[in-house]
Amino acid sequence: AHLAELRRFLLALSNGDLSQDLTLKGPIAGSLKNLQANLRHLTWQTQKIAEGDFSQRVDFLGDFSAAFNQMAIKLEEARKSQIEIDRAIRESEARYRALVDFLPDGVLVHQEGVVVFANMAFALLMGGKHPEDVCGKRMLDLVHPGSRAGAKSRMKRTLTKGETIKGIEEKFIQLDGNIIDVEIAAMPFMYDGSPAVQNVIRDITALKRDRAALDEQVRFEKMLSSLSATLVRSG
């Protein structure tokens, strides 16, 4: 009967069942009960490690204890390293935001086609008062329908092929529905640890208007010159 109870208890331990009771007494039963208690404590320690407490150490299972303790040490080192990486990322993003907020050109970042970051210059360019006025909007909704096909193609090339695109002229729709001409550059970007696209956008509406006026003036002057030449020949 004693051997049968010991066998039952050992089988339960070998199967990971630490809930069985052992009523026997004596040195063998005492050792098994002590092993069960240590395994229960080890289970608790493993749970604490899973919760982020890497200070747990084991000293009763020989080689296993050394491996367990080494695992805990490595996990603690990895956690500290991740904390440093996260801090560096936060500092880098803070510097990035501080830098682009001073740029005169509009800067926006979009992920999966949605604007996740914009500086004040872009918000003002779109007729808003704060970056929050444009954040959360779909990128293509800001683009004039006549320019959306090109913008969609550009976004895909930048994300999938890592292309940097510069000097593209497009039309954007401001928040009040007014249409403006812009020059846009796009480049692949990592934002919050995920792939994104950064755009630098410059309003060229006035430039294009002045250019068109200049072209019209040149055309008019050429017409006058040609007319004058014709009149001279006729005379």
C-alpha atoms as a PDB file:
ATOM      1  CA  ALA A   1       0.000   0.000   0.000  1.00  0.00           C
ATOM      2  CA  HIS A   2       2.870   2.340   0.845  1.00  0.00           C
ATOM      3  CA  LEU A   3       4.575   1.641  -2.484  1.00  0.00           C
ATOM      4  CA  ALA A   4       1.320   2.196  -4.369  1.00  0.00           C
ATOM      5  CA  GLU A   5       0.822   5.575  -2.694  1.00  0.00           C
ATOM      6  CA  LEU A   6       4.422   6.563  -3.412  1.00  0.00           C
ATOM      7  CA  ARG A   7       3.960   5.465  -7.035  1.00  0.00           C
ATOM      8  CA  ARG A   8       0.763   7.525  -7.351  1.00  0.00           C
ATOM      9  CA  PHE A   9       2.452  10.579  -5.842  1.00  0.00           C
ATOM     10  CA  LEU A  10       5.550  10.279  -8.065  1.00  0.00           C
ATOM     11  CA  LEU A  11       3.453   9.857 -11.208  1.00  0.00           C
ATOM     12  CA  ALA A  12       1.509  12.985 -10.295  1.00  0.00           C
ATOM     13  CA  LEU A  13       4.759  14.945  -9.812  1.00  0.00           C
ATOM     14  CA  SER A  14       6.199  13.683 -13.102  1.00  0.00           C
ATOM     15  CA  ASN A  15       3.030  14.843 -14.878  1.00  0.00           C
ATOM     16  CA  GLY A  16       3.236  18.294 -13.335  1.00  0.00           C
ATOM     17  CA  ASP A  17       0.388  17.766 -10.867  1.00  0.00           C
ATOM     18  CA  LEU A  18       1.517  19.439  -7.643  1.00  0.00           C
ATOM     19  CA  SER A  19      -1.847  19.216  -5.881  1.00  0.00           C
ATOM     20  CA  GLN A  20      -1.608  15.607  -4.644  1.00  0.00           C
ATOM     21  CA  ASP A  21      -1.320  14.880  -0.909  1.00  0.00           C
ATOM     22  CA  LEU A  22       1.056  12.312   0.541  1.00  0.00           C
ATOM     23  CA  THR A  23      -0.050  10.900   3.905  1.00  0.00           C
ATOM     24  CA  LEU A  24       2.986   8.679   4.402  1.00  0.00           C
ATOM     25  CA  LYS A  25       5.733   9.606   6.806  1.00  0.00           C
ATOM     26  CA  GLY A  26       9.418   8.796   6.836  1.00  0.00           C
ATOM     27  CA  PRO A  27      12.557  10.062   5.084  1.00  0.00           C
ATOM     28  CA  ILE A  28      11.447   9.121   1.541  1.00  0.00           C
ATOM     29  CA  ALA A  29       8.021  10.657   1.947  1.00  0.00           C
ATOM     30  CA  GLY A  30       9.580  13.718   3.552  1.00  0.00           C
ATOM     31  CA  SER A  31      11.965  14.171   0.625  1.00  0.00           C
ATOM     32  CA  LEU A  32       9.128  13.856  -1.863  1.00  0.00           C
ATOM     33  CA  LYS A  33       7.034  16.357   0.049  1.00  0.00           C
ATOM     34  CA  ASN A  34       9.991  18.735   0.118  1.00  0.00           C
ATOM     35  CA  LEU A  35      10.425  18.297  -3.654  1.00  0.00           C
ATOM     36  CA  GLN A  36       6.739  19.046  -4.153  1.00  0.00           C
ATOM     37  CA  ALA A  37       7.022  22.216  -2.046  1.00  0.00           C
ATOM     38  CA  ASN A  38      10.078  23.331  -4.000  1.00  0.00           C
ATOM     39  CA  LEU A  39       8.310  22.705  -7.315  1.00  0.00           C
ATOM     40  CA  ARG A  40       5.316  24.705  -6.105  1.00  0.00           C
ATOM     41  CA  HIS A  41       7.661  27.546  -5.177  1.00  0.00           C
ATOM     42  CA  LEU A  42       9.363  27.236  -8.569  1.00  0.00           C
ATOM     43  CA  THR A  43       5.962  27.545 -10.240  1.00  0.00           C
ATOM     44  CA  TRP A  44       5.296  30.701  -8.243  1.00  0.00           C
ATOM     45  CA  GLN A  45       8.723  32.072  -9.175  1.00  0.00           C
ATOM     46  CA  THR A  46       8.056  31.384 -12.860  1.00  0.00           C
ATOM     47  CA  GLN A  47       4.794  33.289 -12.600  1.00  0.00           C
ATOM     48  CA  LYS A  48       6.622  36.222 -10.990  1.00  0.00           C
ATOM     49  CA  ILE A  49       9.127  36.240 -13.853  1.00  0.00           C
ATOM     50  CA  ALA A  50       6.242  36.251 -16.322  1.00  0.00           C
ATOM     51  CA  GLU A  51       4.964  39.347 -14.500  1.00  0.00           C
ATOM     52  CA  GLY A  52       8.337  41.062 -14.929  1.00  0.00           C
ATOM     53  CA  ASP A  53      10.052  40.252 -11.620  1.00  0.00           C
ATOM     54  CA  PHE A  54      13.447  38.989 -12.770  1.00  0.00           C
ATOM     55  CA  SER A  55      14.964  38.920  -9.268  1.00  0.00           C
ATOM     56  CA  GLN A  56      13.840  35.308  -8.708  1.00  0.00           C
ATOM     57  CA  ARG A  57      16.564  32.693  -8.187  1.00  0.00           C
ATOM     58  CA  VAL A  58      16.518  28.880  -7.731  1.00  0.00           C
ATOM     59  CA  ASP A  59      19.081  26.925  -5.712  1.00  0.00           C
ATOM     60  CA  PHE A  60      17.681  23.416  -5.155  1.00  0.00           C
ATOM     61  CA  LEU A  61      17.768  21.707  -8.552  1.00  0.00           C
ATOM     62  CA  GLY A  62      21.440  21.626  -9.509  1.00  0.00           C
ATOM     63  CA  ASP A  63      21.994  22.224 -13.229  1.00  0.00           C
ATOM     64  CA  PHE A  64      18.386  23.257 -13.672  1.00  0.00           C
ATOM     65  CA  SER A  65      18.842  25.954 -11.036  1.00  0.00           C
ATOM     66  CA  ALA A  66      21.863  27.341 -12.873  1.00  0.00           C
ATOM     67  CA  ALA A  67      19.942  27.396 -16.177  1.00  0.00           C
ATOM     68  CA  PHE A  68      16.887  28.981 -14.552  1.00  0.00           C
ATOM     69  CA  ASN A  69      18.975  31.679 -12.870  1.00  0.00           C
ATOM     70  CA  GLN A  70      20.840  32.378 -16.090  1.00  0.00           C
ATOM     71  CA  MET A  71      17.505  32.767 -17.879  1.00  0.00           C
ATOM     72  CA  ALA A  72      16.326  35.233 -15.249  1.00  0.00           C
ATOM     73  CA  ILE A  73      19.569  37.219 -15.569  1.00  0.00           C
ATOM     74  CA  LYS A  74      19.295  37.342 -19.368  1.00  0.00           C
ATOM     75  CA  LEU A  75      15.672  38.423 -19.179  1.00  0.00           C
ATOM     76  CA  GLU A  76      16.588  41.192 -16.747  1.00  0.00           C
ATOM     77  CA  GLU A  77      19.366  42.363 -19.066  1.00  0.00           C
ATOM     78  CA  ALA A  78      16.962  42.286 -22.019  1.00  0.00           C
ATOM     79  CA  ARG A  79      14.405  44.288 -20.043  1.00  0.00           C
ATOM     80  CA  LYS A  80      16.966  46.930 -19.134  1.00  0.00           C
ATOM     81  CA  SER A  81      18.129  47.059 -22.752  1.00  0.00           C
ATOM     82  CA  GLN A  82      14.542  47.480 -23.946  1.00  0.00           C
ATOM     83  CA  ILE A  83      14.002  50.281 -21.432  1.00  0.00           C
ATOM     84  CA  GLU A  84      17.060  52.063 -22.841  1.00  0.00           C
ATOM     85  CA  ILE A  85      15.863  51.509 -26.412  1.00  0.00           C
ATOM     86  CA  ASP A  86      12.396  52.857 -25.559  1.00  0.00           C
ATOM     87  CA  ARG A  87      13.937  55.892 -23.858  1.00  0.00           C
ATOM     88  CA  ALA A  88      16.164  56.566 -26.860  1.00  0.00           C
ATOM     89  CA  ILE A  89      13.174  56.259 -29.204  1.00  0.00           C
ATOM     90  CA  ARG A  90      11.138  58.699 -27.093  1.00  0.00           C
ATOM     91  CA  GLU A  91      14.011  61.179 -27.004  1.00  0.00           C
ATOM     92  CA  SER A  92      14.542  60.821 -30.753  1.00  0.00           C
ATOM     93  CA  GLU A  93      10.857  61.411 -31.455  1.00  0.00           C
ATOM     94  CA  ALA A  94      10.859  64.434 -29.140  1.00  0.00           C
ATOM     95  CA  ARG A  95      13.840  65.897 -31.020  1.00  0.00           C
ATOM     96  CA  TYR A  96      12.152  65.142 -34.338  1.00  0.00           C
ATOM     97  CA  ARG A  97       8.960  66.920 -33.269  1.00  0.00           C
ATOM     98  CA  ALA A  98      10.891  69.906 -31.949  1.00  0.00           C
ATOM     99  CA  LEU A  99      12.857  70.129 -35.200  1.00  0.00           C
ATOM    100  CA  VAL A 100       9.971  69.875 -37.660  1.00  0.00           C
ATOM    101  CA  ASP A 101       7.844  72.309 -35.662  1.00  0.00           C
ATOM    102  CA  PHE A 102      10.316  75.030 -36.637  1.00  0.00           C
ATOM    103  CA  LEU A 103      10.343  74.174 -40.341  1.00  0.00           C
ATOM    104  CA  PRO A 104       8.525  76.601 -42.651  1.00  0.00           C
ATOM    105  CA  ASP A 105       7.395  73.752 -44.913  1.00  0.00           C
ATOM    106  CA  GLY A 106       4.580  71.399 -44.055  1.00  0.00           C
ATOM    107  CA  VAL A 107       5.599  67.993 -42.716  1.00  0.00           C
ATOM    108  CA  LEU A 108       3.269  65.061 -42.229  1.00  0.00           C
ATOM    109  CA  VAL A 109       3.656  61.361 -41.526  1.00  0.00           C
ATOM    110  CA  HIS A 110       1.052  58.818 -42.537  1.00  0.00           C
ATOM    111  CA  GLN A 111       0.720  55.123 -41.775  1.00  0.00           C
ATOM    112  CA  GLU A 112      -1.585  52.889 -43.774  1.00  0.00           C
ATOM    113  CA  GLY A 113      -2.863  56.008 -45.500  1.00  0.00           C
ATOM    114  CA  VAL A 114      -3.848  57.840 -42.288  1.00  0.00           C
ATOM    115  CA  VAL A 115      -2.095  60.993 -41.057  1.00  0.00           C
ATOM    116  CA  VAL A 116      -0.500  60.231 -37.667  1.00  0.00           C
ATOM    117  CA  PHE A 117       1.688  63.326 -37.340  1.00  0.00           C
ATOM    118  CA  ALA A 118       1.683  66.852 -38.766  1.00  0.00           C
ATOM    119  CA  ASN A 119       3.588  69.981 -37.876  1.00  0.00           C
ATOM    120  CA  MET A 120       2.003  73.387 -37.429  1.00  0.00           C
ATOM    121  CA  ALA A 121       3.131  74.549 -40.876  1.00  0.00           C
ATOM    122  CA  PHE A 122       1.131  71.808 -42.562  1.00  0.00           C
ATOM    123  CA  ALA A 123      -1.918  72.477 -40.398  1.00  0.00           C
ATOM    124  CA  LEU A 124      -1.803  76.159 -41.400  1.00  0.00           C
ATOM    125  CA  LEU A 125      -1.209  75.233 -45.042  1.00  0.00           C
ATOM    126  CA  MET A 126      -4.417  73.171 -44.972  1.00  0.00           C
ATOM    127  CA  GLY A 127      -6.349  76.022 -43.359  1.00  0.00           C
ATOM    128  CA  GLY A 128      -6.351  74.563 -39.861  1.00  0.00           C
ATOM    129  CA  LYS A 129      -5.217  76.047 -36.573  1.00  0.00           C
ATOM    130  CA  HIS A 130      -3.661  73.012 -34.895  1.00  0.00           C
ATOM    131  CA  PRO A 131      -1.979  69.795 -36.078  1.00  0.00           C
ATOM    132  CA  GLU A 132      -4.916  67.900 -34.564  1.00  0.00           C
ATOM    133  CA  ASP A 133      -7.110  69.408 -37.288  1.00  0.00           C
ATOM    134  CA  VAL A 134      -5.455  67.139 -39.877  1.00  0.00           C
ATOM    135  CA  CYS A 135      -4.221  64.185 -37.813  1.00  0.00           C
ATOM    136  CA  GLY A 136      -6.461  61.162 -38.213  1.00  0.00           C
ATOM    137  CA  LYS A 137      -7.565  62.117 -41.719  1.00  0.00           C
ATOM    138  CA  ARG A 138      -6.975  59.844 -44.697  1.00  0.00           C
ATOM    139  CA  MET A 139      -4.062  61.099 -46.771  1.00  0.00           C
ATOM    140  CA  LEU A 140      -5.903  60.700 -50.067  1.00  0.00           C
ATOM    141  CA  ASP A 141      -8.846  62.741 -48.751  1.00  0.00           C
ATOM    142  CA  LEU A 142      -6.488  65.723 -48.593  1.00  0.00           C
ATOM    143  CA  VAL A 143      -5.458  65.234 -52.218  1.00  0.00           C
ATOM    144  CA  HIS A 144      -7.507  66.643 -55.091  1.00  0.00           C
ATOM    145  CA  PRO A 145      -9.347  63.890 -57.026  1.00  0.00           C
ATOM    146  CA  GLY A 146      -7.335  64.755 -60.126  1.00  0.00           C
ATOM    147  CA  SER A 147      -4.099  64.005 -58.269  1.00  0.00           C
ATOM    148  CA  ARG A 148      -5.174  60.931 -56.287  1.00  0.00           C
ATOM    149  CA  ALA A 149      -4.112  58.294 -58.787  1.00  0.00           C
ATOM    150  CA  GLY A 150      -0.557  59.643 -58.843  1.00  0.00           C
ATOM    151  CA  ALA A 151      -0.507  60.105 -55.073  1.00  0.00           C
ATOM    152  CA  LYS A 152      -1.694  56.530 -54.480  1.00  0.00           C
ATOM    153  CA  SER A 153       0.972  55.154 -56.811  1.00  0.00           C
ATOM    154  CA  ARG A 154       3.646  57.242 -55.106  1.00  0.00           C
ATOM    155  CA  MET A 155       2.577  56.073 -51.645  1.00  0.00           C
ATOM    156  CA  LYS A 156       2.757  52.435 -52.743  1.00  0.00           C
ATOM    157  CA  ARG A 157       6.226  52.817 -54.277  1.00  0.00           C
ATOM    158  CA  THR A 158       7.549  54.569 -51.191  1.00  0.00           C
ATOM    159  CA  LEU A 159       6.223  51.920 -48.807  1.00  0.00           C
ATOM    160  CA  THR A 160       6.942  48.763 -50.800  1.00  0.00           C
ATOM    161  CA  LYS A 161      10.122  49.751 -52.646  1.00  0.00           C
ATOM    162  CA  GLY A 162      11.566  52.364 -50.278  1.00  0.00           C
ATOM    163  CA  GLU A 163      11.679  55.001 -53.013  1.00  0.00           C
ATOM    164  CA  THR A 164      12.336  58.637 -52.154  1.00  0.00           C
ATOM    165  CA  ILE A 165      10.335  60.923 -54.404  1.00  0.00           C
ATOM    166  CA  LYS A 166      11.016  64.649 -54.800  1.00  0.00           C
ATOM    167  CA  GLY A 167       9.579  67.618 -56.633  1.00  0.00           C
ATOM    168  CA  ILE A 168       6.130  66.207 -57.463  1.00  0.00           C
ATOM    169  CA  GLU A 169       3.438  68.819 -58.120  1.00  0.00           C
ATOM    170  CA  GLU A 170      -0.054  68.004 -56.924  1.00  0.00           C
ATOM    171  CA  LYS A 171      -3.248  69.712 -55.872  1.00  0.00           C
ATOM    172  CA  PHE A 172      -4.498  69.538 -52.310  1.00  0.00           C
ATOM    173  CA  ILE A 173      -7.917  70.352 -50.871  1.00  0.00           C
ATOM    174  CA  GLN A 174      -7.836  72.611 -47.827  1.00  0.00           C
ATOM    175  CA  LEU A 175     -10.206  71.988 -44.929  1.00  0.00           C
ATOM    176  CA  ASP A 176     -12.591  74.639 -46.235  1.00  0.00           C
ATOM    177  CA  GLY A 177     -12.617  73.059 -49.712  1.00  0.00           C
ATOM    178  CA  ASN A 178     -10.243  75.549 -51.346  1.00  0.00           C
ATOM    179  CA  ILE A 179      -7.798  74.009 -53.833  1.00  0.00           C
ATOM    180  CA  ILE A 180      -4.085  74.774 -53.636  1.00  0.00           C
ATOM    181  CA  ASP A 181      -1.043  73.734 -55.639  1.00  0.00           C
ATOM    182  CA  VAL A 182       1.753  72.046 -53.712  1.00  0.00           C
ATOM    183  CA  GLU A 183       5.162  70.550 -54.324  1.00  0.00           C
ATOM    184  CA  ILE A 184       5.648  67.340 -52.390  1.00  0.00           C
ATOM    185  CA  ALA A 185       8.531  65.060 -51.454  1.00  0.00           C
ATOM    186  CA  ALA A 186       7.997  61.585 -49.997  1.00  0.00           C
ATOM    187  CA  MET A 187      10.363  59.218 -48.250  1.00  0.00           C
ATOM    188  CA  PRO A 188      10.082  55.977 -46.212  1.00  0.00           C
ATOM    189  CA  PHE A 189      10.025  56.577 -42.475  1.00  0.00           C
ATOM    190  CA  MET A 190       9.732  54.644 -39.201  1.00  0.00           C
ATOM    191  CA  TYR A 191       7.189  56.076 -36.792  1.00  0.00           C
ATOM    192  CA  ASP A 192       6.435  54.483 -33.414  1.00  0.00           C
ATOM    193  CA  GLY A 193       8.376  51.452 -34.593  1.00  0.00           C
ATOM    194  CA  SER A 194       6.211  50.863 -37.674  1.00  0.00           C
ATOM    195  CA  PRO A 195       6.739  51.631 -41.384  1.00  0.00           C
ATOM    196  CA  ALA A 196       5.347  54.979 -42.484  1.00  0.00           C
ATOM    197  CA  VAL A 197       5.774  57.671 -45.136  1.00  0.00           C
ATOM    198  CA  GLN A 198       7.042  61.163 -44.390  1.00  0.00           C
ATOM    199  CA  ASN A 199       5.988  63.974 -46.706  1.00  0.00           C
ATOM    200  CA  VAL A 200       7.448  67.466 -46.959  1.00  0.00           C
ATOM    201  CA  ILE A 201       4.950  69.779 -48.631  1.00  0.00           C
ATOM    202  CA  ARG A 202       5.364  73.337 -49.922  1.00  0.00           C
ATOM    203  CA  ASP A 203       2.567  75.623 -51.099  1.00  0.00           C
ATOM    204  CA  ILE A 204       3.370  76.785 -54.645  1.00  0.00           C
ATOM    205  CA  THR A 205      -0.031  78.280 -55.459  1.00  0.00           C
ATOM    206  CA  ALA A 206       1.287  81.853 -55.570  1.00  0.00           C
ATOM    207  CA  LEU A 207       4.406  80.741 -57.445  1.00  0.00           C
ATOM    208  CA  LYS A 208       2.341  79.011 -60.132  1.00  0.00           C
ATOM    209  CA  ARG A 209       0.027  82.022 -60.361  1.00  0.00           C
ATOM    210  CA  ASP A 210       2.988  84.374 -60.792  1.00  0.00           C
ATOM    211  CA  ARG A 211       4.544  81.993 -63.308  1.00  0.00           C
ATOM    212  CA  ALA A 212       1.311  81.857 -65.283  1.00  0.00           C
ATOM    213  CA  ALA A 213       1.078  85.658 -65.212  1.00  0.00           C
ATOM    214  CA  LEU A 214       4.668  85.922 -66.416  1.00  0.00           C
ATOM    215  CA  ASP A 215       4.020  83.405 -69.194  1.00  0.00           C
ATOM    216  CA  GLU A 216       0.958  85.387 -70.220  1.00  0.00           C
ATOM    217  CA  GLN A 217       2.981  88.602 -70.239  1.00  0.00           C
ATOM    218  CA  VAL A 218       5.694  86.986 -72.378  1.00  0.00           C
ATOM    219  CA  ARG A 219       3.053  85.601 -74.743  1.00  0.00           C
ATOM    220  CA  PHE A 220       1.409  89.031 -74.969  1.00  0.00           C
ATOM    221  CA  GLU A 221       4.738  90.743 -75.638  1.00  0.00           C
ATOM    222  CA  LYS A 222       5.549  88.217 -78.359  1.00  0.00           C
ATOM    223  CA  MET A 223       2.136  88.837 -79.909  1.00  0.00           C
ATOM    224  CA  LEU A 224       2.749  92.616 -79.863  1.00  0.00           C
ATOM    225  CA  SER A 225       6.215  92.121 -81.320  1.00  0.00           C
ATOM    226  CA  SER A 226       4.820  89.941 -84.075  1.00  0.00           C
ATOM    227  CA  LEU A 227       1.996  92.410 -84.754  1.00  0.00           C
ATOM    228  CA  SER A 228       4.472  95.293 -84.904  1.00  0.00           C
ATOM    229  CA  ALA A 229       6.652  93.391 -87.323  1.00  0.00           C
ATOM    230  CA  THR A 230       3.630  92.688 -89.504  1.00  0.00           C
ATOM    231  CA  LEU A 231       2.590  96.346 -89.496  1.00  0.00           C
ATOM    232  CA  VAL A 232       6.128  97.423 -90.408  1.00  0.00           C
ATOM    233  CA  ARG A 233       6.214  95.005 -93.333  1.00  0.00           C
ATOM    234  CA  SER A 234       2.771  96.174 -94.445  1.00  0.00           C
ATOM    235  CA  GLY A 235       3.876  99.786 -94.337  1.00  0.00           C
END
